[in-house]
Amino acid sequence: YGLTGLPDTAIIDPRGRLVDVLRGPQSA
């Protein structure tokens, strides 16, 4: 998934495609 650090959150669309990676801690 190309992690660069923790936490990282990968966003996957309904078709199973990776569309974004949020780096660092995120809010809801």
mmCIF file of all heavy atoms, coordinates in Angstrom:
data_MODEL
# 
_entry.id   MODEL 
# 
loop_
_atom_site.group_PDB 
_atom_site.id 
_atom_site.type_symbol 
_atom_site.label_atom_id 
_atom_site.label_alt_id 
_atom_site.label_comp_id 
_atom_site.label_asym_id 
_atom_site.label_entity_id 
_atom_site.label_seq_id 
_atom_site.pdbx_PDB_ins_code 
_atom_site.Cartn_x 
_atom_site.Cartn_y 
_atom_site.Cartn_z 
_atom_site.occupancy 
_atom_site.B_iso_or_equiv 
_atom_site.pdbx_formal_charge 
_atom_site.auth_seq_id 
_atom_site.auth_comp_id 
_atom_site.auth_asym_id 
_atom_site.auth_atom_id 
_atom_site.pdbx_PDB_model_num 
ATOM 1   N N   . TYR A 1 1  ? 0.810   -1.215 0.000   1.00 0.00 ? 1  TYR A N   1 
ATOM 2   C CA  . TYR A 1 1  ? 0.000   0.000  0.000   1.00 0.00 ? 1  TYR A CA  1 
ATOM 3   C C   . TYR A 1 1  ? 0.849   1.274  0.000   1.00 0.00 ? 1  TYR A C   1 
ATOM 4   O O   . TYR A 1 1  ? 0.323   2.372  -0.008  1.00 0.00 ? 1  TYR A O   1 
ATOM 5   C CB  . TYR A 1 1  ? -0.958  0.013  1.197   1.00 0.00 ? 1  TYR A CB  1 
ATOM 6   C CG  . TYR A 1 1  ? -2.258  -0.693 0.917   1.00 0.00 ? 1  TYR A CG  1 
ATOM 7   C CD1 . TYR A 1 1  ? -2.365  -2.072 1.063   1.00 0.00 ? 1  TYR A CD1 1 
ATOM 8   C CD2 . TYR A 1 1  ? -3.383  0.009  0.488   1.00 0.00 ? 1  TYR A CD2 1 
ATOM 9   C CE1 . TYR A 1 1  ? -3.557  -2.727 0.794   1.00 0.00 ? 1  TYR A CE1 1 
ATOM 10  C CE2 . TYR A 1 1  ? -4.577  -0.646 0.224   1.00 0.00 ? 1  TYR A CE2 1 
ATOM 11  C CZ  . TYR A 1 1  ? -4.649  -2.015 0.372   1.00 0.00 ? 1  TYR A CZ  1 
ATOM 12  O OH  . TYR A 1 1  ? -5.835  -2.664 0.098   1.00 0.00 ? 1  TYR A OH  1 
ATOM 13  N N   . GLY A 1 2  ? 2.166   1.135  0.050   1.00 0.00 ? 2  GLY A N   1 
ATOM 14  C CA  . GLY A 1 2  ? 3.048   2.297  -0.010  1.00 0.00 ? 2  GLY A CA  1 
ATOM 15  C C   . GLY A 1 2  ? 3.105   3.097  1.270   1.00 0.00 ? 2  GLY A C   1 
ATOM 16  O O   . GLY A 1 2  ? 3.263   4.320  1.235   1.00 0.00 ? 2  GLY A O   1 
ATOM 17  N N   . LEU A 1 3  ? 2.989   2.418  2.404   1.00 0.00 ? 3  LEU A N   1 
ATOM 18  C CA  . LEU A 1 3  ? 3.055   3.112  3.690   1.00 0.00 ? 3  LEU A CA  1 
ATOM 19  C C   . LEU A 1 3  ? 4.314   3.962  3.790   1.00 0.00 ? 3  LEU A C   1 
ATOM 20  O O   . LEU A 1 3  ? 5.399   3.510  3.428   1.00 0.00 ? 3  LEU A O   1 
ATOM 21  C CB  . LEU A 1 3  ? 3.095   2.068  4.813   1.00 0.00 ? 3  LEU A CB  1 
ATOM 22  C CG  . LEU A 1 3  ? 1.959   2.079  5.815   1.00 0.00 ? 3  LEU A CG  1 
ATOM 23  C CD1 . LEU A 1 3  ? 0.647   1.854  5.120   1.00 0.00 ? 3  LEU A CD1 1 
ATOM 24  C CD2 . LEU A 1 3  ? 2.182   1.038  6.864   1.00 0.00 ? 3  LEU A CD2 1 
ATOM 25  N N   . THR A 1 4  ? 4.144   5.177  4.277   1.00 0.00 ? 4  THR A N   1 
ATOM 26  C CA  . THR A 1 4  ? 5.296   6.050  4.515   1.00 0.00 ? 4  THR A CA  1 
ATOM 27  C C   . THR A 1 4  ? 5.475   6.325  6.000   1.00 0.00 ? 4  THR A C   1 
ATOM 28  O O   . THR A 1 4  ? 6.464   6.910  6.405   1.00 0.00 ? 4  THR A O   1 
ATOM 29  C CB  . THR A 1 4  ? 5.145   7.390  3.767   1.00 0.00 ? 4  THR A CB  1 
ATOM 30  O OG1 . THR A 1 4  ? 3.964   8.041  4.230   1.00 0.00 ? 4  THR A OG1 1 
ATOM 31  C CG2 . THR A 1 4  ? 5.086   7.180  2.268   1.00 0.00 ? 4  THR A CG2 1 
ATOM 32  N N   . GLY A 1 5  ? 4.508   5.937  6.784   1.00 0.00 ? 5  GLY A N   1 
ATOM 33  C CA  . GLY A 1 5  ? 4.527   6.154  8.225   1.00 0.00 ? 5  GLY A CA  1 
ATOM 34  C C   . GLY A 1 5  ? 3.191   5.691  8.776   1.00 0.00 ? 5  GLY A C   1 
ATOM 35  O O   . GLY A 1 5  ? 2.340   5.216  8.034   1.00 0.00 ? 5  GLY A O   1 
ATOM 36  N N   . LEU A 1 6  ? 3.034   5.821  10.062  1.00 0.00 ? 6  LEU A N   1 
ATOM 37  C CA  . LEU A 1 6  ? 1.782   5.430  10.701  1.00 0.00 ? 6  LEU A CA  1 
ATOM 38  C C   . LEU A 1 6  ? 1.194   6.615  11.433  1.00 0.00 ? 6  LEU A C   1 
ATOM 39  O O   . LEU A 1 6  ? 1.945   7.423  11.977  1.00 0.00 ? 6  LEU A O   1 
ATOM 40  C CB  . LEU A 1 6  ? 2.022   4.285  11.687  1.00 0.00 ? 6  LEU A CB  1 
ATOM 41  C CG  . LEU A 1 6  ? 2.390   2.943  11.077  1.00 0.00 ? 6  LEU A CG  1 
ATOM 42  C CD1 . LEU A 1 6  ? 2.709   1.948  12.183  1.00 0.00 ? 6  LEU A CD1 1 
ATOM 43  C CD2 . LEU A 1 6  ? 1.297   2.405  10.195  1.00 0.00 ? 6  LEU A CD2 1 
ATOM 44  N N   . PRO A 1 7  ? -0.114  6.702  11.449  1.00 0.00 ? 7  PRO A N   1 
ATOM 45  C CA  . PRO A 1 7  ? -1.078  5.916  10.688  1.00 0.00 ? 7  PRO A CA  1 
ATOM 46  C C   . PRO A 1 7  ? -1.184  6.417  9.248   1.00 0.00 ? 7  PRO A C   1 
ATOM 47  O O   . PRO A 1 7  ? -0.914  7.578  8.954   1.00 0.00 ? 7  PRO A O   1 
ATOM 48  C CB  . PRO A 1 7  ? -2.382  6.146  11.437  1.00 0.00 ? 7  PRO A CB  1 
ATOM 49  C CG  . PRO A 1 7  ? -2.238  7.523  12.011  1.00 0.00 ? 7  PRO A CG  1 
ATOM 50  C CD  . PRO A 1 7  ? -0.777  7.668  12.332  1.00 0.00 ? 7  PRO A CD  1 
ATOM 51  N N   . ASP A 1 8  ? -1.598  5.535  8.352   1.00 0.00 ? 8  ASP A N   1 
ATOM 52  C CA  . ASP A 1 8  ? -1.955  5.857  6.977   1.00 0.00 ? 8  ASP A CA  1 
ATOM 53  C C   . ASP A 1 8  ? -3.304  5.197  6.714   1.00 0.00 ? 8  ASP A C   1 
ATOM 54  O O   . ASP A 1 8  ? -3.553  4.082  7.190   1.00 0.00 ? 8  ASP A O   1 
ATOM 55  C CB  . ASP A 1 8  ? -0.942  5.291  5.980   1.00 0.00 ? 8  ASP A CB  1 
ATOM 56  C CG  . ASP A 1 8  ? 0.208   6.254  5.676   1.00 0.00 ? 8  ASP A CG  1 
ATOM 57  O OD1 . ASP A 1 8  ? 0.243   7.359  6.241   1.00 0.00 ? 8  ASP A OD1 1 
ATOM 58  O OD2 . ASP A 1 8  ? 1.069   5.876  4.857   1.00 0.00 ? 8  ASP A OD2 1 
ATOM 59  N N   . THR A 1 9  ? -4.159  5.879  5.964   1.00 0.00 ? 9  THR A N   1 
ATOM 60  C CA  . THR A 1 9  ? -5.482  5.343  5.650   1.00 0.00 ? 9  THR A CA  1 
ATOM 61  C C   . THR A 1 9  ? -5.700  5.352  4.148   1.00 0.00 ? 9  THR A C   1 
ATOM 62  O O   . THR A 1 9  ? -5.694  6.418  3.523   1.00 0.00 ? 9  THR A O   1 
ATOM 63  C CB  . THR A 1 9  ? -6.599  6.154  6.350   1.00 0.00 ? 9  THR A CB  1 
ATOM 64  O OG1 . THR A 1 9  ? -6.343  6.155  7.761   1.00 0.00 ? 9  THR A OG1 1 
ATOM 65  C CG2 . THR A 1 9  ? -7.968  5.567  6.074   1.00 0.00 ? 9  THR A CG2 1 
ATOM 66  N N   . ALA A 1 10 ? -5.843  4.170  3.574   1.00 0.00 ? 10 ALA A N   1 
ATOM 67  C CA  . ALA A 1 10 ? -6.092  4.026  2.140   1.00 0.00 ? 10 ALA A CA  1 
ATOM 68  C C   . ALA A 1 10 ? -7.592  4.083  1.889   1.00 0.00 ? 10 ALA A C   1 
ATOM 69  O O   . ALA A 1 10 ? -8.370  3.459  2.608   1.00 0.00 ? 10 ALA A O   1 
ATOM 70  C CB  . ALA A 1 10 ? -5.525  2.695  1.650   1.00 0.00 ? 10 ALA A CB  1 
ATOM 71  N N   . ILE A 1 11 ? -7.986  4.828  0.873   1.00 0.00 ? 11 ILE A N   1 
ATOM 72  C CA  . ILE A 1 11 ? -9.394  4.943  0.493   1.00 0.00 ? 11 ILE A CA  1 
ATOM 73  C C   . ILE A 1 11 ? -9.598  4.147  -0.798  1.00 0.00 ? 11 ILE A C   1 
ATOM 74  O O   . ILE A 1 11 ? -8.899  4.361  -1.793  1.00 0.00 ? 11 ILE A O   1 
ATOM 75  C CB  . ILE A 1 11 ? -9.813  6.414  0.290   1.00 0.00 ? 11 ILE A CB  1 
ATOM 76  C CG1 . ILE A 1 11 ? -9.506  7.252  1.547   1.00 0.00 ? 11 ILE A CG1 1 
ATOM 77  C CG2 . ILE A 1 11 ? -11.277 6.507  -0.102  1.00 0.00 ? 11 ILE A CG2 1 
ATOM 78  C CD1 . ILE A 1 11 ? -10.235 6.826  2.805   1.00 0.00 ? 11 ILE A CD1 1 
ATOM 79  N N   . ILE A 1 12 ? -10.558 3.229  -0.747  1.00 0.00 ? 12 ILE A N   1 
ATOM 80  C CA  . ILE A 1 12 ? -10.837 2.341  -1.866  1.00 0.00 ? 12 ILE A CA  1 
ATOM 81  C C   . ILE A 1 12 ? -12.263 2.607  -2.350  1.00 0.00 ? 12 ILE A C   1 
ATOM 82  O O   . ILE A 1 12 ? -13.189 2.681  -1.538  1.00 0.00 ? 12 ILE A O   1 
ATOM 83  C CB  . ILE A 1 12 ? -10.687 0.867  -1.429  1.00 0.00 ? 12 ILE A CB  1 
ATOM 84  C CG1 . ILE A 1 12 ? -9.261  0.630  -0.918  1.00 0.00 ? 12 ILE A CG1 1 
ATOM 85  C CG2 . ILE A 1 12 ? -11.027 -0.084 -2.572  1.00 0.00 ? 12 ILE A CG2 1 
ATOM 86  C CD1 . ILE A 1 12 ? -9.058  -0.722 -0.261  1.00 0.00 ? 12 ILE A CD1 1 
ATOM 87  N N   . ASP A 1 13 ? -12.416 2.764  -3.650  1.00 0.00 ? 13 ASP A N   1 
ATOM 88  C CA  . ASP A 1 13 ? -13.756 3.030  -4.181  1.00 0.00 ? 13 ASP A CA  1 
ATOM 89  C C   . ASP A 1 13 ? -14.558 1.730  -4.287  1.00 0.00 ? 13 ASP A C   1 
ATOM 90  O O   . ASP A 1 13 ? -14.012 0.639  -4.059  1.00 0.00 ? 13 ASP A O   1 
ATOM 91  C CB  . ASP A 1 13 ? -13.678 3.804  -5.502  1.00 0.00 ? 13 ASP A CB  1 
ATOM 92  C CG  . ASP A 1 13 ? -13.268 2.976  -6.709  1.00 0.00 ? 13 ASP A CG  1 
ATOM 93  O OD1 . ASP A 1 13 ? -13.156 1.729  -6.613  1.00 0.00 ? 13 ASP A OD1 1 
ATOM 94  O OD2 . ASP A 1 13 ? -13.053 3.583  -7.773  1.00 0.00 ? 13 ASP A OD2 1 
ATOM 95  N N   . PRO A 1 14 ? -15.852 1.822  -4.609  1.00 0.00 ? 14 PRO A N   1 
ATOM 96  C CA  . PRO A 1 14 ? -16.696 0.615  -4.655  1.00 0.00 ? 14 PRO A CA  1 
ATOM 97  C C   . PRO A 1 14 ? -16.245 -0.434 -5.678  1.00 0.00 ? 14 PRO A C   1 
ATOM 98  O O   . PRO A 1 14 ? -16.636 -1.589 -5.589  1.00 0.00 ? 14 PRO A O   1 
ATOM 99  C CB  . PRO A 1 14 ? -18.083 1.165  -5.015  1.00 0.00 ? 14 PRO A CB  1 
ATOM 100 C CG  . PRO A 1 14 ? -18.074 2.574  -4.510  1.00 0.00 ? 14 PRO A CG  1 
ATOM 101 C CD  . PRO A 1 14 ? -16.658 3.043  -4.742  1.00 0.00 ? 14 PRO A CD  1 
ATOM 102 N N   . ARG A 1 15 ? -15.420 -0.039 -6.643  1.00 0.00 ? 15 ARG A N   1 
ATOM 103 C CA  . ARG A 1 15 ? -14.922 -0.984 -7.653  1.00 0.00 ? 15 ARG A CA  1 
ATOM 104 C C   . ARG A 1 15 ? -13.637 -1.687 -7.222  1.00 0.00 ? 15 ARG A C   1 
ATOM 105 O O   . ARG A 1 15 ? -13.106 -2.501 -7.954  1.00 0.00 ? 15 ARG A O   1 
ATOM 106 C CB  . ARG A 1 15 ? -14.667 -0.260 -8.976  1.00 0.00 ? 15 ARG A CB  1 
ATOM 107 C CG  . ARG A 1 15 ? -15.902 0.379  -9.575  1.00 0.00 ? 15 ARG A CG  1 
ATOM 108 C CD  . ARG A 1 15 ? -15.549 1.232  -10.786 1.00 0.00 ? 15 ARG A CD  1 
ATOM 109 N NE  . ARG A 1 15 ? -14.610 2.267  -10.393 1.00 0.00 ? 15 ARG A NE  1 
ATOM 110 C CZ  . ARG A 1 15 ? -13.590 2.687  -11.141 1.00 0.00 ? 15 ARG A CZ  1 
ATOM 111 N NH1 . ARG A 1 15 ? -13.382 2.194  -12.328 1.00 0.00 ? 15 ARG A NH1 1 
ATOM 112 N NH2 . ARG A 1 15 ? -12.783 3.635  -10.705 1.00 0.00 ? 15 ARG A NH2 1 
ATOM 113 N N   . GLY A 1 16 ? -13.127 -1.325 -6.034  1.00 0.00 ? 16 GLY A N   1 
ATOM 114 C CA  . GLY A 1 16 ? -11.886 -1.945 -5.570  1.00 0.00 ? 16 GLY A CA  1 
ATOM 115 C C   . GLY A 1 16 ? -10.634 -1.220 -6.026  1.00 0.00 ? 16 GLY A C   1 
ATOM 116 O O   . GLY A 1 16 ? -9.540  -1.774 -5.996  1.00 0.00 ? 16 GLY A O   1 
ATOM 117 N N   . ARG A 1 17 ? -10.786 0.040  -6.414  1.00 0.00 ? 17 ARG A N   1 
ATOM 118 C CA  . ARG A 1 17 ? -9.650  0.844  -6.877  1.00 0.00 ? 17 ARG A CA  1 
ATOM 119 C C   . ARG A 1 17 ? -9.165  1.746  -5.744  1.00 0.00 ? 17 ARG A C   1 
ATOM 120 O O   . ARG A 1 17 ? -9.964  2.363  -5.047  1.00 0.00 ? 17 ARG A O   1 
ATOM 121 C CB  . ARG A 1 17 ? -10.055 1.722  -8.069  1.00 0.00 ? 17 ARG A CB  1 
ATOM 122 C CG  . ARG A 1 17 ? -10.740 1.000  -9.199  1.00 0.00 ? 17 ARG A CG  1 
ATOM 123 C CD  . ARG A 1 17 ? -9.854  0.189  -10.041 1.00 0.00 ? 17 ARG A CD  1 
ATOM 124 N NE  . ARG A 1 17 ? -8.885  1.001  -10.743 1.00 0.00 ? 17 ARG A NE  1 
ATOM 125 C CZ  . ARG A 1 17 ? -7.950  0.495  -11.536 1.00 0.00 ? 17 ARG A CZ  1 
ATOM 126 N NH1 . ARG A 1 17 ? -7.871  -0.804 -11.720 1.00 0.00 ? 17 ARG A NH1 1 
ATOM 127 N NH2 . ARG A 1 17 ? -7.081  1.274  -12.136 1.00 0.00 ? 17 ARG A NH2 1 
ATOM 128 N N   . LEU A 1 18 ? -7.873  1.832  -5.587  1.00 0.00 ? 18 LEU A N   1 
ATOM 129 C CA  . LEU A 1 18 ? -7.268  2.729  -4.607  1.00 0.00 ? 18 LEU A CA  1 
ATOM 130 C C   . LEU A 1 18 ? -7.350  4.140  -5.169  1.00 0.00 ? 18 LEU A C   1 
ATOM 131 O O   . LEU A 1 18 ? -6.855  4.401  -6.267  1.00 0.00 ? 18 LEU A O   1 
ATOM 132 C CB  . LEU A 1 18 ? -5.814  2.316  -4.375  1.00 0.00 ? 18 LEU A CB  1 
ATOM 133 C CG  . LEU A 1 18 ? -5.015  3.095  -3.340  1.00 0.00 ? 18 LEU A CG  1 
ATOM 134 C CD1 . LEU A 1 18 ? -5.632  2.948  -1.963  1.00 0.00 ? 18 LEU A CD1 1 
ATOM 135 C CD2 . LEU A 1 18 ? -3.581  2.592  -3.325  1.00 0.00 ? 18 LEU A CD2 1 
ATOM 136 N N   . VAL A 1 19 ? -8.019  5.040  -4.437  1.00 0.00 ? 19 VAL A N   1 
ATOM 137 C CA  . VAL A 1 19 ? -8.220  6.392  -4.957  1.00 0.00 ? 19 VAL A CA  1 
ATOM 138 C C   . VAL A 1 19 ? -7.541  7.479  -4.135  1.00 0.00 ? 19 VAL A C   1 
ATOM 139 O O   . VAL A 1 19 ? -7.406  8.606  -4.597  1.00 0.00 ? 19 VAL A O   1 
ATOM 140 C CB  . VAL A 1 19 ? -9.718  6.728  -5.139  1.00 0.00 ? 19 VAL A CB  1 
ATOM 141 C CG1 . VAL A 1 19 ? -10.337 5.861  -6.231  1.00 0.00 ? 19 VAL A CG1 1 
ATOM 142 C CG2 . VAL A 1 19 ? -10.482 6.588  -3.847  1.00 0.00 ? 19 VAL A CG2 1 
ATOM 143 N N   . ASP A 1 20 ? -7.109  7.160  -2.923  1.00 0.00 ? 20 ASP A N   1 
ATOM 144 C CA  . ASP A 1 20 ? -6.441  8.173  -2.103  1.00 0.00 ? 20 ASP A CA  1 
ATOM 145 C C   . ASP A 1 20 ? -5.750  7.485  -0.937  1.00 0.00 ? 20 ASP A C   1 
ATOM 146 O O   . ASP A 1 20 ? -6.127  6.381  -0.542  1.00 0.00 ? 20 ASP A O   1 
ATOM 147 C CB  . ASP A 1 20 ? -7.459  9.184  -1.558  1.00 0.00 ? 20 ASP A CB  1 
ATOM 148 C CG  . ASP A 1 20 ? -6.842  10.527 -1.187  1.00 0.00 ? 20 ASP A CG  1 
ATOM 149 O OD1 . ASP A 1 20 ? -5.599  10.682 -1.286  1.00 0.00 ? 20 ASP A OD1 1 
ATOM 150 O OD2 . ASP A 1 20 ? -7.600  11.428 -0.799  1.00 0.00 ? 20 ASP A OD2 1 
ATOM 151 N N   . VAL A 1 21 ? -4.736  8.134  -0.405  1.00 0.00 ? 21 VAL A N   1 
ATOM 152 C CA  . VAL A 1 21 ? -4.087  7.690  0.831   1.00 0.00 ? 21 VAL A CA  1 
ATOM 153 C C   . VAL A 1 21 ? -3.956  8.913  1.723   1.00 0.00 ? 21 VAL A C   1 
ATOM 154 O O   . VAL A 1 21 ? -3.359  9.918  1.331   1.00 0.00 ? 21 VAL A O   1 
ATOM 155 C CB  . VAL A 1 21 ? -2.705  7.049  0.567   1.00 0.00 ? 21 VAL A CB  1 
ATOM 156 C CG1 . VAL A 1 21 ? -2.069  6.641  1.885   1.00 0.00 ? 21 VAL A CG1 1 
ATOM 157 C CG2 . VAL A 1 21 ? -2.825  5.845  -0.362  1.00 0.00 ? 21 VAL A CG2 1 
ATOM 158 N N   . LEU A 1 22 ? -4.559  8.825  2.899   1.00 0.00 ? 22 LEU A N   1 
ATOM 159 C CA  . LEU A 1 22 ? -4.504  9.910  3.880   1.00 0.00 ? 22 LEU A CA  1 
ATOM 160 C C   . LEU A 1 22 ? -3.340  9.633  4.814   1.00 0.00 ? 22 LEU A C   1 
ATOM 161 O O   . LEU A 1 22 ? -3.309  8.606  5.483   1.00 0.00 ? 22 LEU A O   1 
ATOM 162 C CB  . LEU A 1 22 ? -5.817  9.983  4.656   1.00 0.00 ? 22 LEU A CB  1 
ATOM 163 C CG  . LEU A 1 22 ? -7.082  10.054 3.808   1.00 0.00 ? 22 LEU A CG  1 
ATOM 164 C CD1 . LEU A 1 22 ? -8.319  9.971  4.694   1.00 0.00 ? 22 LEU A CD1 1 
ATOM 165 C CD2 . LEU A 1 22 ? -7.098  11.307 2.965   1.00 0.00 ? 22 LEU A CD2 1 
ATOM 166 N N   . ARG A 1 23 ? -2.384  10.525 4.851   1.00 0.00 ? 23 ARG A N   1 
ATOM 167 C CA  . ARG A 1 23 ? -1.177  10.341 5.649   1.00 0.00 ? 23 ARG A CA  1 
ATOM 168 C C   . ARG A 1 23 ? -1.340  10.983 7.026   1.00 0.00 ? 23 ARG A C   1 
ATOM 169 O O   . ARG A 1 23 ? -1.817  12.103 7.140   1.00 0.00 ? 23 ARG A O   1 
ATOM 170 C CB  . ARG A 1 23 ? 0.034   10.964 4.949   1.00 0.00 ? 23 ARG A CB  1 
ATOM 171 C CG  . ARG A 1 23 ? 0.237   10.521 3.509   1.00 0.00 ? 23 ARG A CG  1 
ATOM 172 C CD  . ARG A 1 23 ? 0.727   9.121  3.419   1.00 0.00 ? 23 ARG A CD  1 
ATOM 173 N NE  . ARG A 1 23 ? 0.995   8.778  2.024   1.00 0.00 ? 23 ARG A NE  1 
ATOM 174 C CZ  . ARG A 1 23 ? 1.269   7.577  1.612   1.00 0.00 ? 23 ARG A CZ  1 
ATOM 175 N NH1 . ARG A 1 23 ? 1.339   6.578  2.459   1.00 0.00 ? 23 ARG A NH1 1 
ATOM 176 N NH2 . ARG A 1 23 ? 1.479   7.332  0.350   1.00 0.00 ? 23 ARG A NH2 1 
ATOM 177 N N   . GLY A 1 24 ? -0.958  10.252 8.057   1.00 0.00 ? 24 GLY A N   1 
ATOM 178 C CA  . GLY A 1 24 ? -1.001  10.778 9.415   1.00 0.00 ? 24 GLY A CA  1 
ATOM 179 C C   . GLY A 1 24 ? -2.365  10.592 10.050  1.00 0.00 ? 24 GLY A C   1 
ATOM 180 O O   . GLY A 1 24 ? -3.293  10.082 9.424   1.00 0.00 ? 24 GLY A O   1 
ATOM 181 N N   . PRO A 1 25 ? -2.494  11.010 11.322  1.00 0.00 ? 25 PRO A N   1 
ATOM 182 C CA  . PRO A 1 25 ? -3.767  10.834 12.031  1.00 0.00 ? 25 PRO A CA  1 
ATOM 183 C C   . PRO A 1 25 ? -4.851  11.703 11.401  1.00 0.00 ? 25 PRO A C   1 
ATOM 184 O O   . PRO A 1 25 ? -4.597  12.838 11.009  1.00 0.00 ? 25 PRO A O   1 
ATOM 185 C CB  . PRO A 1 25 ? -3.448  11.274 13.464  1.00 0.00 ? 25 PRO A CB  1 
ATOM 186 C CG  . PRO A 1 25 ? -2.238  12.132 13.357  1.00 0.00 ? 25 PRO A CG  1 
ATOM 187 C CD  . PRO A 1 25 ? -1.483  11.671 12.150  1.00 0.00 ? 25 PRO A CD  1 
ATOM 188 N N   . GLN A 1 26 ? -6.056  11.128 11.302  1.00 0.00 ? 26 GLN A N   1 
ATOM 189 C CA  . GLN A 1 26 ? -7.177  11.813 10.658  1.00 0.00 ? 26 GLN A CA  1 
ATOM 190 C C   . GLN A 1 26 ? -8.355  11.917 11.615  1.00 0.00 ? 26 GLN A C   1 
ATOM 191 O O   . GLN A 1 26 ? -8.516  11.091 12.495  1.00 0.00 ? 26 GLN A O   1 
ATOM 192 C CB  . GLN A 1 26 ? -7.613  11.028 9.415   1.00 0.00 ? 26 GLN A CB  1 
ATOM 193 C CG  . GLN A 1 26 ? -6.534  10.781 8.412   1.00 0.00 ? 26 GLN A CG  1 
ATOM 194 C CD  . GLN A 1 26 ? -5.995  12.049 7.786   1.00 0.00 ? 26 GLN A CD  1 
ATOM 195 O OE1 . GLN A 1 26 ? -6.750  12.976 7.503   1.00 0.00 ? 26 GLN A OE1 1 
ATOM 196 N NE2 . GLN A 1 26 ? -4.694  12.111 7.584   1.00 0.00 ? 26 GLN A NE2 1 
ATOM 197 N N   . SER A 1 27 ? -9.177  12.908 11.383  1.00 0.00 ? 27 SER A N   1 
ATOM 198 C CA  . SER A 1 27 ? -10.428 13.002 12.127  1.00 0.00 ? 27 SER A CA  1 
ATOM 199 C C   . SER A 1 27 ? -11.482 12.176 11.401  1.00 0.00 ? 27 SER A C   1 
ATOM 200 O O   . SER A 1 27 ? -11.341 11.843 10.219  1.00 0.00 ? 27 SER A O   1 
ATOM 201 C CB  . SER A 1 27 ? -10.887 14.464 12.205  1.00 0.00 ? 27 SER A CB  1 
ATOM 202 O OG  . SER A 1 27 ? -11.277 14.918 10.921  1.00 0.00 ? 27 SER A OG  1 
ATOM 203 N N   . ALA A 1 28 ? -12.560 11.866 12.100  1.00 0.00 ? 28 ALA A N   1 
ATOM 204 C CA  . ALA A 1 28 ? -13.671 11.141 11.488  1.00 0.00 ? 28 ALA A CA  1 
ATOM 205 C C   . ALA A 1 28 ? -14.211 11.924 10.293  1.00 0.00 ? 28 ALA A C   1 
ATOM 206 O O   . ALA A 1 28 ? -14.542 11.344 9.260   1.00 0.00 ? 28 ALA A O   1 
ATOM 207 C CB  . ALA A 1 28 ? -14.771 10.898 12.523  1.00 0.00 ? 28 ALA A CB  1 
# 
